[in-house]
Amino acid sequence: MLSFALLLGVSCRRNADSVVAQVYQYKLYASEVQAGMPSGLSQEDSLALARDFIDNWVKEKLVLHEAERYLSPREKNFDREMSEYRNSLLAQRYLDKIWNEDTANVTVSDREITDFARSLDDRYTVEKEIVRVNYVKMPTHSDMLPSVRDILFDEKKRVEQKDVLVNMLGDSIEYLLDDDEWLYLDDLQNEVAFQIDVQNLGDRVGALHIEKEVGENSVLLVMLDYRSQRSVNETKEERAAAGMLLMNQRRTQFVNQYLQELYDRALKEGKIVQ
């Protein structure tokens, strides 16, 4: 076997590659190993990766050799499976192509997603309290606390200076400043480590500011919205899921209609004999 240093340090410049491993009649060439090696690795990592590559290749060829020996000609004949697989891929690629050619097919508006989600059955509605909030959890002794409070608890500043607030908080401070994200109330309470009184919120939603010390941290929270239950179109993830469900439904309808048109046309032209 060719040494790994030679394998990794010298590209093959001969008419025939150097053989780096052989299992029965199977041969592995240096260029094949080099082609499977990513760039930018250290020499140590390259050597380890090359060893793994060759070891895996050897094991694969050992199994292949035994399979060739012990399987009957009939068991080794995959013509039918390969033909069926190819036909399936061809049909799928063709249907994808004609589906994607009409951009109206592959896009859905926010309004369509909302209407579709609302049309879903009650089993997609979850009776669990949810909230939309902005909150920041930071050390109580932080010199930034007054500035964060000044922005977060002022509605105009909270909206207009959100980027300033994000830059101020950085990566080391826990916060949520997404106005559109719905959270389960239970999950939020676990996160901030205190109970939030949502009874009789009334007009306070949108103007309810909470500041509590929890251990060595202070939690500043603005309650933006509260609901006692939510439907499938309330959260980003569920709207995305509803959009995918709608697209799949549309594609199924499109394919079924197209196949029926193909069948009707072929039947009319006498191309189908049953």
C-alpha atoms as a PDB file:
ATOM      1  CA  MET A   1       0.000   0.000   0.000  1.00  0.00           C
ATOM      2  CA  LEU A   2       1.242   3.503  -0.826  1.00  0.00           C
ATOM      3  CA  SER A   3       2.280   5.518   2.225  1.00  0.00           C
ATOM      4  CA  PHE A   4      -0.227   8.108   3.425  1.00  0.00           C
ATOM      5  CA  ALA A   5       2.341  10.892   3.192  1.00  0.00           C
ATOM      6  CA  LEU A   6       2.839  10.156  -0.482  1.00  0.00           C
ATOM      7  CA  LEU A   7      -0.870   9.710  -0.975  1.00  0.00           C
ATOM      8  CA  LEU A   8      -1.746  13.100   0.482  1.00  0.00           C
ATOM      9  CA  GLY A   9       1.280  15.089  -0.548  1.00  0.00           C
ATOM     10  CA  VAL A  10       1.594  14.181  -4.199  1.00  0.00           C
ATOM     11  CA  SER A  11      -1.154  14.223  -6.784  1.00  0.00           C
ATOM     12  CA  CYS A  12      -1.063  11.502  -9.352  1.00  0.00           C
ATOM     13  CA  ARG A  13       0.961  12.611 -12.361  1.00  0.00           C
ATOM     14  CA  ARG A  14       1.340   9.217 -14.000  1.00  0.00           C
ATOM     15  CA  ASN A  15      -0.668   7.631 -16.770  1.00  0.00           C
ATOM     16  CA  ALA A  16      -1.847   5.036 -14.247  1.00  0.00           C
ATOM     17  CA  ASP A  17      -2.819   5.881 -10.645  1.00  0.00           C
ATOM     18  CA  SER A  18      -0.960   4.367  -7.747  1.00  0.00           C
ATOM     19  CA  VAL A  19      -2.961   1.648  -6.022  1.00  0.00           C
ATOM     20  CA  VAL A  20      -3.411   2.392  -2.315  1.00  0.00           C
ATOM     21  CA  ALA A  21      -5.541  -0.653  -1.420  1.00  0.00           C
ATOM     22  CA  GLN A  22      -6.736  -3.890  -3.013  1.00  0.00           C
ATOM     23  CA  VAL A  23      -9.424  -6.383  -1.985  1.00  0.00           C
ATOM     24  CA  TYR A  24      -9.553  -9.421  -4.251  1.00  0.00           C
ATOM     25  CA  GLN A  25     -10.091  -8.000  -7.760  1.00  0.00           C
ATOM     26  CA  TYR A  26     -11.080  -4.521  -6.530  1.00  0.00           C
ATOM     27  CA  LYS A  27      -8.485  -1.729  -6.516  1.00  0.00           C
ATOM     28  CA  LEU A  28      -8.552   1.675  -4.884  1.00  0.00           C
ATOM     29  CA  TYR A  29      -6.438   4.389  -6.500  1.00  0.00           C
ATOM     30  CA  ALA A  30      -4.796   7.432  -4.974  1.00  0.00           C
ATOM     31  CA  SER A  31      -6.862   9.833  -7.081  1.00  0.00           C
ATOM     32  CA  GLU A  32     -10.091   8.330  -5.722  1.00  0.00           C
ATOM     33  CA  VAL A  33      -8.975   8.951  -2.150  1.00  0.00           C
ATOM     34  CA  GLN A  34      -7.780  12.461  -2.995  1.00  0.00           C
ATOM     35  CA  ALA A  35     -11.110  13.250  -4.658  1.00  0.00           C
ATOM     36  CA  GLY A  36     -12.899  12.406  -1.412  1.00  0.00           C
ATOM     37  CA  MET A  37     -10.687  14.628   0.746  1.00  0.00           C
ATOM     38  CA  PRO A  38     -11.898  18.138   1.688  1.00  0.00           C
ATOM     39  CA  SER A  39      -9.432  20.995   1.461  1.00  0.00           C
ATOM     40  CA  GLY A  40      -8.128  23.015   4.385  1.00  0.00           C
ATOM     41  CA  LEU A  41      -7.406  20.104   6.734  1.00  0.00           C
ATOM     42  CA  SER A  42      -4.241  19.760   8.753  1.00  0.00           C
ATOM     43  CA  GLN A  43      -1.880  16.947   7.779  1.00  0.00           C
ATOM     44  CA  GLU A  44      -2.899  14.993  10.884  1.00  0.00           C
ATOM     45  CA  ASP A  45      -6.612  15.324  10.106  1.00  0.00           C
ATOM     46  CA  SER A  46      -6.001  14.485   6.447  1.00  0.00           C
ATOM     47  CA  LEU A  47      -4.148  11.295   7.374  1.00  0.00           C
ATOM     48  CA  ALA A  48      -6.928  10.231   9.769  1.00  0.00           C
ATOM     49  CA  LEU A  49      -9.614  10.931   7.184  1.00  0.00           C
ATOM     50  CA  ALA A  50      -7.689   9.024   4.514  1.00  0.00           C
ATOM     51  CA  ARG A  51      -7.354   6.005   6.804  1.00  0.00           C
ATOM     52  CA  ASP A  52     -11.091   6.042   7.499  1.00  0.00           C
ATOM     53  CA  PHE A  53     -11.861   6.370   3.799  1.00  0.00           C
ATOM     54  CA  ILE A  54      -9.680   3.379   2.927  1.00  0.00           C
ATOM     55  CA  ASP A  55     -10.958   1.265   5.832  1.00  0.00           C
ATOM     56  CA  ASN A  56     -14.554   1.871   4.793  1.00  0.00           C
ATOM     57  CA  TRP A  57     -13.737   1.078   1.173  1.00  0.00           C
ATOM     58  CA  VAL A  58     -12.070  -2.211   2.189  1.00  0.00           C
ATOM     59  CA  LYS A  59     -15.075  -3.298   4.266  1.00  0.00           C
ATOM     60  CA  GLU A  60     -17.480  -2.391   1.480  1.00  0.00           C
ATOM     61  CA  LYS A  61     -15.545  -4.433  -1.074  1.00  0.00           C
ATOM     62  CA  LEU A  62     -15.275  -7.415   1.279  1.00  0.00           C
ATOM     63  CA  VAL A  63     -19.066  -7.513   1.589  1.00  0.00           C
ATOM     64  CA  LEU A  64     -19.438  -7.022  -2.165  1.00  0.00           C
ATOM     65  CA  HIS A  65     -17.073  -9.926  -2.841  1.00  0.00           C
ATOM     66  CA  GLU A  66     -19.026 -12.236  -0.537  1.00  0.00           C
ATOM     67  CA  ALA A  67     -22.324 -11.148  -2.072  1.00  0.00           C
ATOM     68  CA  GLU A  68     -21.040 -11.910  -5.564  1.00  0.00           C
ATOM     69  CA  ARG A  69     -19.973 -15.373  -4.388  1.00  0.00           C
ATOM     70  CA  TYR A  70     -23.037 -16.464  -2.480  1.00  0.00           C
ATOM     71  CA  LEU A  71     -26.000 -14.836  -4.246  1.00  0.00           C
ATOM     72  CA  SER A  72     -27.522 -16.672  -7.195  1.00  0.00           C
ATOM     73  CA  PRO A  73     -27.663 -15.054 -10.647  1.00  0.00           C
ATOM     74  CA  ARG A  74     -31.379 -14.480 -10.109  1.00  0.00           C
ATOM     75  CA  GLU A  75     -30.766 -12.804  -6.735  1.00  0.00           C
ATOM     76  CA  LYS A  76     -28.138 -10.556  -8.312  1.00  0.00           C
ATOM     77  CA  ASN A  77     -30.397  -9.483 -11.170  1.00  0.00           C
ATOM     78  CA  PHE A  78     -31.773  -6.025 -10.407  1.00  0.00           C
ATOM     79  CA  ASP A  79     -32.981  -5.212 -13.909  1.00  0.00           C
ATOM     80  CA  ARG A  80     -36.648  -5.098 -12.923  1.00  0.00           C
ATOM     81  CA  GLU A  81     -36.051  -3.064  -9.743  1.00  0.00           C
ATOM     82  CA  MET A  82     -33.764  -0.626 -11.564  1.00  0.00           C
ATOM     83  CA  SER A  83     -36.274  -0.220 -14.382  1.00  0.00           C
ATOM     84  CA  GLU A  84     -39.105   0.429 -11.940  1.00  0.00           C
ATOM     85  CA  TYR A  85     -36.971   2.861  -9.968  1.00  0.00           C
ATOM     86  CA  ARG A  86     -35.933   4.727 -13.130  1.00  0.00           C
ATOM     87  CA  ASN A  87     -39.541   4.943 -14.310  1.00  0.00           C
ATOM     88  CA  SER A  88     -40.620   6.268 -10.916  1.00  0.00           C
ATOM     89  CA  LEU A  89     -37.878   8.932 -10.973  1.00  0.00           C
ATOM     90  CA  LEU A  90     -38.761   9.950 -14.531  1.00  0.00           C
ATOM     91  CA  ALA A  91     -42.451  10.314 -13.731  1.00  0.00           C
ATOM     92  CA  GLN A  92     -41.713  12.257 -10.536  1.00  0.00           C
ATOM     93  CA  ARG A  93     -39.289  14.603 -12.286  1.00  0.00           C
ATOM     94  CA  TYR A  94     -41.731  15.233 -15.126  1.00  0.00           C
ATOM     95  CA  LEU A  95     -44.630  16.018 -12.771  1.00  0.00           C
ATOM     96  CA  ASP A  96     -42.364  18.302 -10.708  1.00  0.00           C
ATOM     97  CA  LYS A  97     -41.309  20.118 -13.878  1.00  0.00           C
ATOM     98  CA  ILE A  98     -44.805  20.845 -15.162  1.00  0.00           C
ATOM     99  CA  TRP A  99     -45.928  21.783 -11.638  1.00  0.00           C
ATOM    100  CA  ASN A 100     -43.051  24.253 -11.199  1.00  0.00           C
ATOM    101  CA  GLU A 101     -43.442  25.819 -14.649  1.00  0.00           C
ATOM    102  CA  ASP A 102     -46.533  27.674 -13.474  1.00  0.00           C
ATOM    103  CA  THR A 103     -45.406  29.980 -10.662  1.00  0.00           C
ATOM    104  CA  ALA A 104     -49.023  30.432  -9.591  1.00  0.00           C
ATOM    105  CA  ASN A 105     -48.959  26.793  -8.566  1.00  0.00           C
ATOM    106  CA  VAL A 106     -45.979  27.034  -6.261  1.00  0.00           C
ATOM    107  CA  THR A 107     -46.816  30.170  -4.280  1.00  0.00           C
ATOM    108  CA  VAL A 108     -49.506  30.871  -1.734  1.00  0.00           C
ATOM    109  CA  SER A 109     -50.333  34.235  -0.212  1.00  0.00           C
ATOM    110  CA  ASP A 110     -50.559  34.990   3.495  1.00  0.00           C
ATOM    111  CA  ARG A 111     -54.291  35.466   3.052  1.00  0.00           C
ATOM    112  CA  GLU A 112     -54.661  32.015   1.504  1.00  0.00           C
ATOM    113  CA  ILE A 113     -52.696  30.423   4.348  1.00  0.00           C
ATOM    114  CA  THR A 114     -54.819  32.218   6.952  1.00  0.00           C
ATOM    115  CA  ASP A 115     -58.078  31.224   5.271  1.00  0.00           C
ATOM    116  CA  PHE A 116     -56.898  27.630   4.869  1.00  0.00           C
ATOM    117  CA  ALA A 117     -55.770  27.403   8.499  1.00  0.00           C
ATOM    118  CA  ARG A 118     -59.097  28.769   9.702  1.00  0.00           C
ATOM    119  CA  SER A 119     -60.933  26.177   7.651  1.00  0.00           C
ATOM    120  CA  LEU A 120     -59.187  23.357   9.487  1.00  0.00           C
ATOM    121  CA  ASP A 121     -61.167  21.271  11.934  1.00  0.00           C
ATOM    122  CA  ASP A 122     -61.358  21.963  15.643  1.00  0.00           C
ATOM    123  CA  ARG A 123     -58.870  19.221  16.409  1.00  0.00           C
ATOM    124  CA  TYR A 124     -56.175  21.638  15.198  1.00  0.00           C
ATOM    125  CA  THR A 125     -57.132  24.095  17.924  1.00  0.00           C
ATOM    126  CA  VAL A 126     -55.212  23.829  21.183  1.00  0.00           C
ATOM    127  CA  GLU A 127     -56.851  25.041  24.359  1.00  0.00           C
ATOM    128  CA  LYS A 128     -53.730  26.321  26.064  1.00  0.00           C
ATOM    129  CA  GLU A 129     -52.816  29.849  27.120  1.00  0.00           C
ATOM    130  CA  ILE A 130     -50.400  31.673  24.846  1.00  0.00           C
ATOM    131  CA  VAL A 131     -48.748  35.084  24.976  1.00  0.00           C
ATOM    132  CA  ARG A 132     -46.753  37.486  22.850  1.00  0.00           C
ATOM    133  CA  VAL A 133     -44.103  39.286  24.865  1.00  0.00           C
ATOM    134  CA  ASN A 134     -40.824  41.122  24.789  1.00  0.00           C
ATOM    135  CA  TYR A 135     -38.536  40.305  27.657  1.00  0.00           C
ATOM    136  CA  VAL A 136     -34.933  40.683  28.767  1.00  0.00           C
ATOM    137  CA  LYS A 137     -33.192  38.704  31.525  1.00  0.00           C
ATOM    138  CA  MET A 138     -29.943  40.326  32.648  1.00  0.00           C
ATOM    139  CA  PRO A 139     -27.770  40.711  35.768  1.00  0.00           C
ATOM    140  CA  THR A 140     -29.356  43.085  38.274  1.00  0.00           C
ATOM    141  CA  HIS A 141     -26.009  44.803  38.877  1.00  0.00           C
ATOM    142  CA  SER A 142     -25.494  45.571  35.159  1.00  0.00           C
ATOM    143  CA  ASP A 143     -24.869  49.233  34.349  1.00  0.00           C
ATOM    144  CA  MET A 144     -27.027  48.763  31.234  1.00  0.00           C
ATOM    145  CA  LEU A 145     -30.185  47.908  33.174  1.00  0.00           C
ATOM    146  CA  PRO A 146     -31.523  51.517  33.353  1.00  0.00           C
ATOM    147  CA  SER A 147     -30.959  52.030  29.614  1.00  0.00           C
ATOM    148  CA  VAL A 148     -32.631  48.715  28.741  1.00  0.00           C
ATOM    149  CA  ARG A 149     -35.592  49.555  30.970  1.00  0.00           C
ATOM    150  CA  ASP A 150     -35.882  53.025  29.409  1.00  0.00           C
ATOM    151  CA  ILE A 151     -36.192  51.563  25.898  1.00  0.00           C
ATOM    152  CA  LEU A 152     -38.199  48.429  26.639  1.00  0.00           C
ATOM    153  CA  PHE A 153     -40.848  50.081  28.820  1.00  0.00           C
ATOM    154  CA  ASP A 154     -41.437  52.985  26.416  1.00  0.00           C
ATOM    155  CA  GLU A 155     -43.661  51.754  23.566  1.00  0.00           C
ATOM    156  CA  LYS A 156     -42.342  54.213  20.984  1.00  0.00           C
ATOM    157  CA  LYS A 157     -38.697  53.527  21.854  1.00  0.00           C
ATOM    158  CA  ARG A 158     -39.351  49.773  22.059  1.00  0.00           C
ATOM    159  CA  VAL A 159     -40.502  49.779  18.428  1.00  0.00           C
ATOM    160  CA  GLU A 160     -38.180  52.393  16.959  1.00  0.00           C
ATOM    161  CA  GLN A 161     -34.986  51.474  18.842  1.00  0.00           C
ATOM    162  CA  LYS A 162     -35.232  47.686  18.735  1.00  0.00           C
ATOM    163  CA  ASP A 163     -31.994  47.396  16.744  1.00  0.00           C
ATOM    164  CA  VAL A 164     -30.237  49.598  19.282  1.00  0.00           C
ATOM    165  CA  LEU A 165     -31.504  47.348  22.053  1.00  0.00           C
ATOM    166  CA  VAL A 166     -30.386  44.174  20.264  1.00  0.00           C
ATOM    167  CA  ASN A 167     -26.882  45.597  19.723  1.00  0.00           C
ATOM    168  CA  MET A 168     -26.743  46.653  23.354  1.00  0.00           C
ATOM    169  CA  LEU A 169     -27.715  43.202  24.652  1.00  0.00           C
ATOM    170  CA  GLY A 170     -25.337  41.253  22.393  1.00  0.00           C
ATOM    171  CA  ASP A 171     -25.010  37.479  22.581  1.00  0.00           C
ATOM    172  CA  SER A 172     -24.429  37.065  26.309  1.00  0.00           C
ATOM    173  CA  ILE A 173     -27.821  38.313  27.545  1.00  0.00           C
ATOM    174  CA  GLU A 174     -31.038  36.315  27.209  1.00  0.00           C
ATOM    175  CA  TYR A 175     -33.895  38.173  25.498  1.00  0.00           C
ATOM    176  CA  LEU A 176     -36.895  37.845  23.186  1.00  0.00           C
ATOM    177  CA  LEU A 177     -37.843  40.883  21.096  1.00  0.00           C
ATOM    178  CA  ASP A 178     -39.932  39.275  18.341  1.00  0.00           C
ATOM    179  CA  ASP A 179     -43.369  40.908  18.400  1.00  0.00           C
ATOM    180  CA  ASP A 180     -44.939  38.198  16.211  1.00  0.00           C
ATOM    181  CA  GLU A 181     -43.870  35.075  18.099  1.00  0.00           C
ATOM    182  CA  TRP A 182     -46.451  33.314  20.254  1.00  0.00           C
ATOM    183  CA  LEU A 183     -45.250  31.346  23.281  1.00  0.00           C
ATOM    184  CA  TYR A 184     -47.050  28.965  25.576  1.00  0.00           C
ATOM    185  CA  LEU A 185     -47.592  30.810  28.855  1.00  0.00           C
ATOM    186  CA  ASP A 186     -46.313  27.755  30.744  1.00  0.00           C
ATOM    187  CA  ASP A 187     -43.052  27.765  28.782  1.00  0.00           C
ATOM    188  CA  LEU A 188     -42.543  31.482  29.334  1.00  0.00           C
ATOM    189  CA  GLN A 189     -43.128  31.162  33.072  1.00  0.00           C
ATOM    190  CA  ASN A 190     -40.596  28.341  33.243  1.00  0.00           C
ATOM    191  CA  GLU A 191     -38.121  30.487  31.338  1.00  0.00           C
ATOM    192  CA  VAL A 192     -38.429  33.600  33.510  1.00  0.00           C
ATOM    193  CA  ALA A 193     -38.897  31.571  36.722  1.00  0.00           C
ATOM    194  CA  PHE A 194     -41.979  33.374  38.070  1.00  0.00           C
ATOM    195  CA  GLN A 195     -45.745  33.253  37.596  1.00  0.00           C
ATOM    196  CA  ILE A 196     -47.450  35.851  35.427  1.00  0.00           C
ATOM    197  CA  ASP A 197     -50.937  36.912  36.469  1.00  0.00           C
ATOM    198  CA  VAL A 198     -53.040  36.949  33.299  1.00  0.00           C
ATOM    199  CA  GLN A 199     -56.401  37.098  35.048  1.00  0.00           C
ATOM    200  CA  ASN A 200     -58.446  40.182  34.159  1.00  0.00           C
ATOM    201  CA  LEU A 201     -55.743  41.577  31.921  1.00  0.00           C
ATOM    202  CA  GLY A 202     -58.299  43.586  29.984  1.00  0.00           C
ATOM    203  CA  ASP A 203     -56.887  46.821  28.597  1.00  0.00           C
ATOM    204  CA  ARG A 204     -53.525  46.221  30.262  1.00  0.00           C
ATOM    205  CA  VAL A 205     -52.450  43.936  27.386  1.00  0.00           C
ATOM    206  CA  GLY A 206     -49.946  45.926  25.389  1.00  0.00           C
ATOM    207  CA  ALA A 207     -49.206  48.210  28.310  1.00  0.00           C
ATOM    208  CA  LEU A 208     -48.409  45.697  31.053  1.00  0.00           C
ATOM    209  CA  HIS A 209     -44.790  46.066  32.176  1.00  0.00           C
ATOM    210  CA  ILE A 210     -43.294  43.627  34.675  1.00  0.00           C
ATOM    211  CA  GLU A 211     -39.906  43.840  36.384  1.00  0.00           C
ATOM    212  CA  LYS A 212     -38.833  41.174  38.845  1.00  0.00           C
ATOM    213  CA  GLU A 213     -35.586  40.110  40.461  1.00  0.00           C
ATOM    214  CA  VAL A 214     -34.931  36.384  40.161  1.00  0.00           C
ATOM    215  CA  GLY A 215     -31.749  35.408  41.970  1.00  0.00           C
ATOM    216  CA  GLU A 216     -28.957  37.581  40.616  1.00  0.00           C
ATOM    217  CA  ASN A 217     -30.945  38.553  37.511  1.00  0.00           C
ATOM    218  CA  SER A 218     -33.657  41.042  36.703  1.00  0.00           C
ATOM    219  CA  VAL A 219     -36.404  40.172  34.244  1.00  0.00           C
ATOM    220  CA  LEU A 220     -38.033  43.026  32.343  1.00  0.00           C
ATOM    221  CA  LEU A 221     -41.155  41.945  30.469  1.00  0.00           C
ATOM    222  CA  VAL A 222     -43.705  43.683  28.257  1.00  0.00           C
ATOM    223  CA  MET A 223     -46.986  41.789  27.705  1.00  0.00           C
ATOM    224  CA  LEU A 224     -48.052  42.397  24.107  1.00  0.00           C
ATOM    225  CA  ASP A 225     -50.973  39.976  23.766  1.00  0.00           C
ATOM    226  CA  TYR A 226     -52.654  37.087  25.531  1.00  0.00           C
ATOM    227  CA  ARG A 227     -55.104  34.383  24.432  1.00  0.00           C
ATOM    228  CA  SER A 228     -56.668  31.552  26.361  1.00  0.00           C
ATOM    229  CA  GLN A 229     -56.383  29.261  23.325  1.00  0.00           C
ATOM    230  CA  ARG A 230     -54.800  29.278  19.913  1.00  0.00           C
ATOM    231  CA  SER A 231     -55.569  27.874  16.501  1.00  0.00           C
ATOM    232  CA  VAL A 232     -53.197  26.383  13.953  1.00  0.00           C
ATOM    233  CA  ASN A 233     -52.392  29.718  12.310  1.00  0.00           C
ATOM    234  CA  GLU A 234     -51.189  31.534  15.430  1.00  0.00           C
ATOM    235  CA  THR A 235     -47.465  30.740  15.377  1.00  0.00           C
ATOM    236  CA  LYS A 236     -44.839  31.018  12.663  1.00  0.00           C
ATOM    237  CA  GLU A 237     -44.146  27.299  12.734  1.00  0.00           C
ATOM    238  CA  GLU A 238     -47.794  26.372  12.459  1.00  0.00           C
ATOM    239  CA  ARG A 239     -48.444  28.890   9.685  1.00  0.00           C
ATOM    240  CA  ALA A 240     -45.503  27.336   7.824  1.00  0.00           C
ATOM    241  CA  ALA A 241     -46.980  23.876   8.406  1.00  0.00           C
ATOM    242  CA  ALA A 242     -50.388  25.062   7.196  1.00  0.00           C
ATOM    243  CA  GLY A 243     -48.722  26.547   4.100  1.00  0.00           C
ATOM    244  CA  MET A 244     -46.976  23.255   3.324  1.00  0.00           C
ATOM    245  CA  LEU A 245     -50.197  21.333   3.859  1.00  0.00           C
ATOM    246  CA  LEU A 246     -52.011  23.675   1.486  1.00  0.00           C
ATOM    247  CA  MET A 247     -49.247  23.332  -1.137  1.00  0.00           C
ATOM    248  CA  ASN A 248     -49.309  19.530  -0.883  1.00  0.00           C
ATOM    249  CA  GLN A 249     -53.069  19.565  -1.238  1.00  0.00           C
ATOM    250  CA  ARG A 250     -52.819  21.781  -4.317  1.00  0.00           C
ATOM    251  CA  ARG A 251     -50.135  19.612  -5.872  1.00  0.00           C
ATOM    252  CA  THR A 252     -52.181  16.453  -5.313  1.00  0.00           C
ATOM    253  CA  GLN A 253     -55.193  18.086  -6.968  1.00  0.00           C
ATOM    254  CA  PHE A 254     -53.030  19.304  -9.847  1.00  0.00           C
ATOM    255  CA  VAL A 255     -51.449  15.884 -10.440  1.00  0.00           C
ATOM    256  CA  ASN A 256     -54.794  14.065 -10.247  1.00  0.00           C
ATOM    257  CA  GLN A 257     -56.375  16.475 -12.703  1.00  0.00           C
ATOM    258  CA  TYR A 258     -53.416  16.272 -15.080  1.00  0.00           C
ATOM    259  CA  LEU A 259     -53.384  12.456 -15.004  1.00  0.00           C
ATOM    260  CA  GLN A 260     -57.121  12.385 -15.713  1.00  0.00           C
ATOM    261  CA  GLU A 261     -56.627  14.725 -18.692  1.00  0.00           C
ATOM    262  CA  LEU A 262     -53.815  12.486 -19.997  1.00  0.00           C
ATOM    263  CA  TYR A 263     -56.026   9.430 -19.621  1.00  0.00           C
ATOM    264  CA  ASP A 264     -59.045  11.033 -21.316  1.00  0.00           C
ATOM    265  CA  ARG A 265     -56.952  12.256 -24.247  1.00  0.00           C
ATOM    266  CA  ALA A 266     -55.211   8.911 -24.762  1.00  0.00           C
ATOM    267  CA  LEU A 267     -58.541   7.063 -24.508  1.00  0.00           C
ATOM    268  CA  LYS A 268     -60.110   9.381 -27.075  1.00  0.00           C
ATOM    269  CA  GLU A 269     -57.165   8.862 -29.460  1.00  0.00           C
ATOM    270  CA  GLY A 270     -57.409   5.096 -29.100  1.00  0.00           C
ATOM    271  CA  LYS A 271     -54.034   4.792 -27.396  1.00  0.00           C
ATOM    272  CA  ILE A 272     -55.461   2.755 -24.491  1.00  0.00           C
ATOM    273  CA  VAL A 273     -56.716  -0.780 -24.900  1.00  0.00           C
ATOM    274  CA  GLN A 274     -58.344  -2.359 -21.848  1.00  0.00           C
END
